[in-house]
Amino acid sequence: MDYMLDTINLDLEHVKQGGRPGATIIVHQETVVATGVNEIVQSKDPTAHGTIIALRKASYVLKSENLNGCIVYTTLEPCAMCLGALYWAEVDIFPTVLVVYQREEIGRLEGKEEVGE
């Protein structure tokens, strides 16, 4: 299974629905245990990054704050907060692919000619 591609698709779908970029999938023993997308705007919570949401869900599912043995796939380079959370969760690895959205592309995803019109 291509978890990175799944993460990119999760991110693209979330942006098409009006969300901000930033998706994460956490895999443990070749099973997806958690996903998260950027919910800052929807939740009015500045800590609601996709990585933080996925880490919280994975900790709940695995019943541990230690996520050793997990691989975290994300579409954005982790910010300082997310990087700290990944460190303290002791995940094994977090491959990242940067999905770059052009202004025109976001506009098309939102059904507009251009953002700002």
Protein backbone atom coordinates (compact mmCIF):
# COMPACT_ATOMS: atom_id res chain seq x y z
CA MET A 1 0.00 0.00 0.00
CA ASP A 2 1.26 3.49 -0.82
CA TYR A 3 0.58 5.40 2.39
CA MET A 4 2.24 8.57 1.09
CA LEU A 5 -0.12 8.64 -1.89
CA ASP A 6 -3.04 8.05 0.47
CA THR A 7 -1.88 11.00 2.56
CA ILE A 8 -1.64 13.25 -0.51
CA ASN A 9 -5.13 12.20 -1.61
CA LEU A 10 -6.52 12.86 1.87
CA ASP A 11 -4.97 16.33 1.76
CA LEU A 12 -6.28 17.11 -1.73
CA GLU A 13 -9.81 16.00 -0.81
CA HIS A 14 -9.75 18.10 2.36
CA VAL A 15 -8.64 21.19 0.41
CA LYS A 16 -11.35 20.56 -2.22
CA GLN A 17 -13.88 20.66 0.62
CA GLY A 18 -12.59 24.05 1.75
CA GLY A 19 -10.01 23.01 4.34
CA ARG A 20 -6.46 24.22 4.65
CA PRO A 21 -3.58 22.01 3.46
CA GLY A 22 -1.94 19.61 5.87
CA ALA A 23 -2.79 15.91 6.19
CA THR A 24 -1.21 13.10 8.20
CA ILE A 25 -1.61 9.32 8.25
CA ILE A 26 -0.08 7.18 11.01
CA VAL A 27 0.70 3.54 10.28
CA HIS A 28 1.50 0.85 12.87
CA GLN A 29 2.41 -2.67 11.76
CA GLU A 30 1.21 -1.94 8.21
CA THR A 31 -2.21 -0.78 9.43
CA VAL A 32 -3.50 2.79 9.34
CA VAL A 33 -4.29 3.63 12.96
CA ALA A 34 -5.03 7.34 12.59
CA THR A 35 -5.52 10.18 10.14
CA GLY A 36 -5.66 13.91 10.63
CA VAL A 37 -6.20 17.02 8.54
CA ASN A 38 -5.66 20.68 9.31
CA GLU A 39 -8.74 21.77 11.28
CA ILE A 40 -7.49 25.12 12.58
CA VAL A 41 -10.20 27.19 10.87
CA GLN A 42 -13.07 24.77 11.46
CA SER A 43 -12.28 24.25 15.15
CA LYS A 44 -10.95 27.75 15.92
CA ASP A 45 -8.05 25.92 17.59
CA PRO A 46 -4.52 27.06 16.61
CA THR A 47 -3.12 23.65 17.65
CA ALA A 48 -5.44 21.64 15.38
CA HIS A 49 -2.72 20.71 12.89
CA GLY A 50 -3.21 17.45 10.98
CA THR A 51 -0.18 15.88 12.65
CA ILE A 52 -1.33 16.76 16.17
CA ILE A 53 -4.84 15.43 15.50
CA ALA A 54 -3.45 12.18 14.07
CA LEU A 55 -1.03 11.75 16.99
CA ARG A 56 -3.90 12.18 19.48
CA LYS A 57 -6.01 9.60 17.63
CA ALA A 58 -3.13 7.12 17.34
CA SER A 59 -2.34 7.43 21.05
CA TYR A 60 -5.98 6.71 21.83
CA VAL A 61 -6.18 3.72 19.46
CA LEU A 62 -2.87 2.23 20.64
CA LYS A 63 -3.57 3.15 24.29
CA SER A 64 -0.13 4.73 24.69
CA GLU A 65 1.59 8.06 24.39
CA ASN A 66 4.61 6.18 23.06
CA LEU A 67 4.15 5.58 19.35
CA ASN A 68 7.39 3.71 18.84
CA GLY A 69 6.96 1.44 15.84
CA CYS A 70 4.75 3.92 14.01
CA ILE A 71 5.46 5.66 10.74
CA VAL A 72 3.91 9.10 10.28
CA TYR A 73 3.23 10.26 6.72
CA THR A 74 2.57 13.97 6.28
CA THR A 75 2.10 16.41 3.42
CA LEU A 76 3.69 19.37 5.15
CA GLU A 77 7.04 19.78 6.83
CA PRO A 78 6.28 19.64 10.57
CA CYS A 79 6.19 22.97 12.38
CA ALA A 80 8.01 23.33 15.71
CA MET A 81 4.94 22.20 17.68
CA CYS A 82 4.35 19.12 15.51
CA LEU A 83 8.04 18.25 15.44
CA GLY A 84 8.13 18.40 19.24
CA ALA A 85 5.07 16.17 19.48
CA LEU A 86 6.63 13.66 17.06
CA TYR A 87 9.80 13.65 19.17
CA TRP A 88 7.94 13.06 22.45
CA ALA A 89 5.73 10.38 20.85
CA GLU A 90 8.94 8.56 19.82
CA VAL A 91 7.71 7.67 16.34
CA ASP A 92 10.18 5.72 14.24
CA ILE A 93 10.16 7.87 11.11
CA PHE A 94 8.11 10.59 9.46
CA PRO A 95 8.53 10.79 5.68
CA THR A 96 7.26 14.09 4.36
CA VAL A 97 6.31 15.21 0.91
CA LEU A 98 5.62 18.88 0.46
CA VAL A 99 2.43 19.39 -1.52
CA VAL A 100 2.67 22.87 -2.99
CA TYR A 101 -0.57 24.62 -3.82
CA GLN A 102 -0.46 27.50 -6.27
CA ARG A 103 -2.98 30.33 -5.74
CA GLU A 104 -4.69 29.40 -9.00
CA GLU A 105 -4.89 25.73 -8.03
CA ILE A 106 -6.54 26.50 -4.69
CA GLY A 107 -9.00 28.72 -6.54
CA ARG A 108 -9.92 25.86 -8.88
CA LEU A 109 -10.34 23.52 -5.93
CA GLU A 110 -12.68 26.04 -4.31
CA GLY A 111 -14.62 26.51 -7.57
CA LYS A 112 -13.36 30.05 -8.16
CA GLU A 113 -11.46 31.48 -11.10
CA GLU A 114 -8.75 32.89 -8.87
CA VAL A 115 -8.37 33.31 -5.14
CA GLY A 116 -9.13 36.85 -4.10
CA GLU A 117 -11.69 37.59 -6.83
